[in-house]
């Protein structure tokens, strides 16, 4: 993003806040931010919404590695606990998964259809049914 566009978006946010958009259940983020085509990787299996979901502040998990050859249920339990312990939610679980996959598990993840993963429960079910 260029500087002028960022300034305009910040000004739009300030105007929305001044108009009472904050705290009343209104979306004050302009559509230009939500739908920015440069904000996500269209070849990734993660949906656009997951790409745009913010990471938790100071998110630095010590994530276990899954290579596809060990008990996937045991891995998922440890993975969910680790991510939750550092403030991650379901979207963070989904976004972080690629970090923990190696070998055939990583190959599996990168072979998923682009933009096809919409939720943690969906990718968890695929992981359990594959390995």
C-alpha atoms as a PDB file:
ATOM      1  CA  UNK A   1       0.000   0.000   0.000  1.00  0.00           C
ATOM      2  CA  UNK A   2       1.201   3.458  -0.720  1.00  0.00           C
ATOM      3  CA  UNK A   3       1.343   6.234   1.852  1.00  0.00           C
ATOM      4  CA  UNK A   4      -1.573   8.264   0.385  1.00  0.00           C
ATOM      5  CA  UNK A   5      -3.919   5.293   0.473  1.00  0.00           C
ATOM      6  CA  UNK A   6      -3.028   4.548   4.081  1.00  0.00           C
ATOM      7  CA  UNK A   7      -3.644   8.171   5.047  1.00  0.00           C
ATOM      8  CA  UNK A   8      -7.077   8.082   3.335  1.00  0.00           C
ATOM      9  CA  UNK A   9      -8.011   4.836   5.111  1.00  0.00           C
ATOM     10  CA  UNK A  10      -6.969   6.237   8.490  1.00  0.00           C
ATOM     11  CA  UNK A  11      -8.983   9.384   7.822  1.00  0.00           C
ATOM     12  CA  UNK A  12     -11.996   7.220   6.902  1.00  0.00           C
ATOM     13  CA  UNK A  13     -11.633   5.327  10.176  1.00  0.00           C
ATOM     14  CA  UNK A  14     -11.481   8.575  12.137  1.00  0.00           C
ATOM     15  CA  UNK A  15     -14.596   9.892  10.367  1.00  0.00           C
ATOM     16  CA  UNK A  16     -16.452   6.640  11.059  1.00  0.00           C
ATOM     17  CA  UNK A  17     -15.482   6.794  14.729  1.00  0.00           C
ATOM     18  CA  UNK A  18     -16.571  10.419  14.963  1.00  0.00           C
ATOM     19  CA  UNK A  19     -19.909   9.492  13.375  1.00  0.00           C
ATOM     20  CA  UNK A  20     -20.576   6.985  16.149  1.00  0.00           C
ATOM     21  CA  UNK A  21     -19.616   3.790  14.327  1.00  0.00           C
ATOM     22  CA  UNK A  22     -17.394   2.573  17.146  1.00  0.00           C
ATOM     23  CA  UNK A  23     -18.940   0.372  19.802  1.00  0.00           C
ATOM     24  CA  UNK A  24     -22.338   0.130  18.143  1.00  0.00           C
ATOM     25  CA  UNK A  25     -21.761  -3.129  16.298  1.00  0.00           C
ATOM     26  CA  UNK A  26     -20.921  -1.364  13.046  1.00  0.00           C
ATOM     27  CA  UNK A  27     -18.026  -2.334  10.820  1.00  0.00           C
ATOM     28  CA  UNK A  28     -15.889   0.790  10.640  1.00  0.00           C
ATOM     29  CA  UNK A  29     -13.191  -0.810   8.501  1.00  0.00           C
ATOM     30  CA  UNK A  30     -13.560   0.329   4.908  1.00  0.00           C
ATOM     31  CA  UNK A  31     -14.189  -2.353   2.296  1.00  0.00           C
ATOM     32  CA  UNK A  32     -10.950  -1.363   0.590  1.00  0.00           C
ATOM     33  CA  UNK A  33      -9.075  -2.861   3.529  1.00  0.00           C
ATOM     34  CA  UNK A  34     -11.250  -5.951   3.855  1.00  0.00           C
ATOM     35  CA  UNK A  35     -11.083  -6.790   0.170  1.00  0.00           C
ATOM     36  CA  UNK A  36      -7.517  -5.739  -0.622  1.00  0.00           C
ATOM     37  CA  UNK A  37      -6.355  -8.227  -3.244  1.00  0.00           C
ATOM     38  CA  UNK A  38      -2.731  -7.789  -2.162  1.00  0.00           C
ATOM     39  CA  UNK A  39      -3.453  -8.810   1.436  1.00  0.00           C
ATOM     40  CA  UNK A  40      -3.609 -12.537   0.784  1.00  0.00           C
ATOM     41  CA  UNK A  41      -2.043 -15.324  -1.242  1.00  0.00           C
ATOM     42  CA  UNK A  42      -4.570 -16.575  -3.789  1.00  0.00           C
ATOM     43  CA  UNK A  43      -2.608 -19.837  -4.181  1.00  0.00           C
ATOM     44  CA  UNK A  44      -2.931 -20.709  -0.482  1.00  0.00           C
ATOM     45  CA  UNK A  45      -5.620 -23.114   0.684  1.00  0.00           C
ATOM     46  CA  UNK A  46      -6.753 -20.554   3.282  1.00  0.00           C
ATOM     47  CA  UNK A  47      -9.801 -18.440   2.462  1.00  0.00           C
ATOM     48  CA  UNK A  48      -9.495 -14.703   1.977  1.00  0.00           C
ATOM     49  CA  UNK A  49     -11.246 -14.145   5.327  1.00  0.00           C
ATOM     50  CA  UNK A  50      -8.682 -16.283   7.146  1.00  0.00           C
ATOM     51  CA  UNK A  51      -5.818 -14.387   5.531  1.00  0.00           C
ATOM     52  CA  UNK A  52      -7.330 -11.104   6.677  1.00  0.00           C
ATOM     53  CA  UNK A  53      -8.039 -12.298  10.235  1.00  0.00           C
ATOM     54  CA  UNK A  54      -5.533 -10.571  12.547  1.00  0.00           C
ATOM     55  CA  UNK A  55      -2.908 -12.482  14.503  1.00  0.00           C
ATOM     56  CA  UNK A  56      -3.110 -12.202  18.301  1.00  0.00           C
ATOM     57  CA  UNK A  57      -0.827  -9.580  19.795  1.00  0.00           C
ATOM     58  CA  UNK A  58       2.598 -11.002  20.708  1.00  0.00           C
ATOM     59  CA  UNK A  59       1.691 -14.375  19.159  1.00  0.00           C
ATOM     60  CA  UNK A  60       4.772 -16.594  19.496  1.00  0.00           C
ATOM     61  CA  UNK A  61       3.747 -20.206  20.026  1.00  0.00           C
ATOM     62  CA  UNK A  62       6.152 -23.106  20.362  1.00  0.00           C
ATOM     63  CA  UNK A  63       4.302 -25.340  17.905  1.00  0.00           C
ATOM     64  CA  UNK A  64       4.854 -29.069  17.674  1.00  0.00           C
ATOM     65  CA  UNK A  65       5.756 -30.600  14.302  1.00  0.00           C
ATOM     66  CA  UNK A  66       3.521 -33.078  12.505  1.00  0.00           C
ATOM     67  CA  UNK A  67       5.070 -35.119   9.686  1.00  0.00           C
ATOM     68  CA  UNK A  68       2.069 -37.318   8.970  1.00  0.00           C
ATOM     69  CA  UNK A  69       3.574 -40.441  10.500  1.00  0.00           C
ATOM     70  CA  UNK A  70       2.474 -40.103  14.136  1.00  0.00           C
ATOM     71  CA  UNK A  71      -0.908 -40.154  15.836  1.00  0.00           C
ATOM     72  CA  UNK A  72      -2.801 -37.207  14.349  1.00  0.00           C
ATOM     73  CA  UNK A  73      -5.286 -37.021  17.257  1.00  0.00           C
ATOM     74  CA  UNK A  74      -2.441 -36.658  19.739  1.00  0.00           C
ATOM     75  CA  UNK A  75      -0.830 -33.983  17.565  1.00  0.00           C
ATOM     76  CA  UNK A  76      -4.112 -32.031  17.207  1.00  0.00           C
ATOM     77  CA  UNK A  77      -4.728 -32.080  20.963  1.00  0.00           C
ATOM     78  CA  UNK A  78      -1.259 -30.712  21.679  1.00  0.00           C
ATOM     79  CA  UNK A  79      -1.460 -28.229  18.824  1.00  0.00           C
ATOM     80  CA  UNK A  80      -4.829 -26.820  19.952  1.00  0.00           C
ATOM     81  CA  UNK A  81      -3.575 -26.508  23.524  1.00  0.00           C
ATOM     82  CA  UNK A  82      -0.377 -24.751  22.448  1.00  0.00           C
ATOM     83  CA  UNK A  83      -2.110 -22.224  20.202  1.00  0.00           C
ATOM     84  CA  UNK A  84      -4.848 -21.506  22.757  1.00  0.00           C
ATOM     85  CA  UNK A  85      -2.277 -21.022  25.526  1.00  0.00           C
ATOM     86  CA  UNK A  86      -0.763 -18.062  23.665  1.00  0.00           C
ATOM     87  CA  UNK A  87      -4.079 -16.396  22.816  1.00  0.00           C
ATOM     88  CA  UNK A  88      -4.978 -18.088  19.547  1.00  0.00           C
ATOM     89  CA  UNK A  89      -8.556 -18.661  18.425  1.00  0.00           C
ATOM     90  CA  UNK A  90     -10.031 -20.982  15.784  1.00  0.00           C
ATOM     91  CA  UNK A  91      -8.857 -18.737  12.945  1.00  0.00           C
ATOM     92  CA  UNK A  92      -5.351 -18.644  14.413  1.00  0.00           C
ATOM     93  CA  UNK A  93      -5.357 -22.450  14.656  1.00  0.00           C
ATOM     94  CA  UNK A  94      -6.141 -22.616  10.959  1.00  0.00           C
ATOM     95  CA  UNK A  95      -3.582 -20.010   9.919  1.00  0.00           C
ATOM     96  CA  UNK A  96      -0.791 -21.498  12.065  1.00  0.00           C
ATOM     97  CA  UNK A  97      -1.191 -25.087  10.933  1.00  0.00           C
ATOM     98  CA  UNK A  98       1.149 -24.749   7.951  1.00  0.00           C
ATOM     99  CA  UNK A  99       3.954 -23.775  10.346  1.00  0.00           C
ATOM    100  CA  UNK A 100       3.701 -27.136  12.103  1.00  0.00           C
ATOM    101  CA  UNK A 101       3.520 -29.411   9.049  1.00  0.00           C
ATOM    102  CA  UNK A 102       6.583 -31.119   7.581  1.00  0.00           C
ATOM    103  CA  UNK A 103       7.264 -33.860   5.047  1.00  0.00           C
ATOM    104  CA  UNK A 104       4.114 -35.600   3.720  1.00  0.00           C
ATOM    105  CA  UNK A 105       1.830 -33.554   5.978  1.00  0.00           C
ATOM    106  CA  UNK A 106       3.186 -30.335   4.445  1.00  0.00           C
ATOM    107  CA  UNK A 107       2.839 -31.793   0.947  1.00  0.00           C
ATOM    108  CA  UNK A 108      -0.788 -32.660   1.746  1.00  0.00           C
ATOM    109  CA  UNK A 109      -1.500 -29.129   2.973  1.00  0.00           C
ATOM    110  CA  UNK A 110       0.000 -27.454  -0.074  1.00  0.00           C
ATOM    111  CA  UNK A 111      -1.989 -29.761  -2.377  1.00  0.00           C
ATOM    112  CA  UNK A 112      -5.354 -28.508  -1.077  1.00  0.00           C
ATOM    113  CA  UNK A 113      -7.432 -26.429  -3.470  1.00  0.00           C
ATOM    114  CA  UNK A 114      -6.637 -22.696  -3.276  1.00  0.00           C
ATOM    115  CA  UNK A 115      -8.934 -20.675  -0.981  1.00  0.00           C
ATOM    116  CA  UNK A 116     -10.819 -23.851   0.021  1.00  0.00           C
ATOM    117  CA  UNK A 117     -10.199 -23.815   3.785  1.00  0.00           C
ATOM    118  CA  UNK A 118     -12.856 -21.804   5.602  1.00  0.00           C
ATOM    119  CA  UNK A 119     -12.525 -22.932   9.235  1.00  0.00           C
ATOM    120  CA  UNK A 120     -10.490 -24.830  11.803  1.00  0.00           C
ATOM    121  CA  UNK A 121     -13.144 -27.565  12.084  1.00  0.00           C
ATOM    122  CA  UNK A 122     -12.953 -28.117   8.322  1.00  0.00           C
ATOM    123  CA  UNK A 123      -9.162 -28.441   8.155  1.00  0.00           C
ATOM    124  CA  UNK A 124      -9.122 -30.524  11.351  1.00  0.00           C
ATOM    125  CA  UNK A 125     -11.608 -32.984   9.814  1.00  0.00           C
ATOM    126  CA  UNK A 126      -9.524 -33.185   6.614  1.00  0.00           C
ATOM    127  CA  UNK A 127      -6.371 -33.789   8.647  1.00  0.00           C
ATOM    128  CA  UNK A 128      -8.022 -36.559  10.679  1.00  0.00           C
ATOM    129  CA  UNK A 129      -9.423 -38.270   7.608  1.00  0.00           C
ATOM    130  CA  UNK A 130      -6.144 -38.121   5.669  1.00  0.00           C
ATOM    131  CA  UNK A 131      -3.603 -39.406   8.179  1.00  0.00           C
END
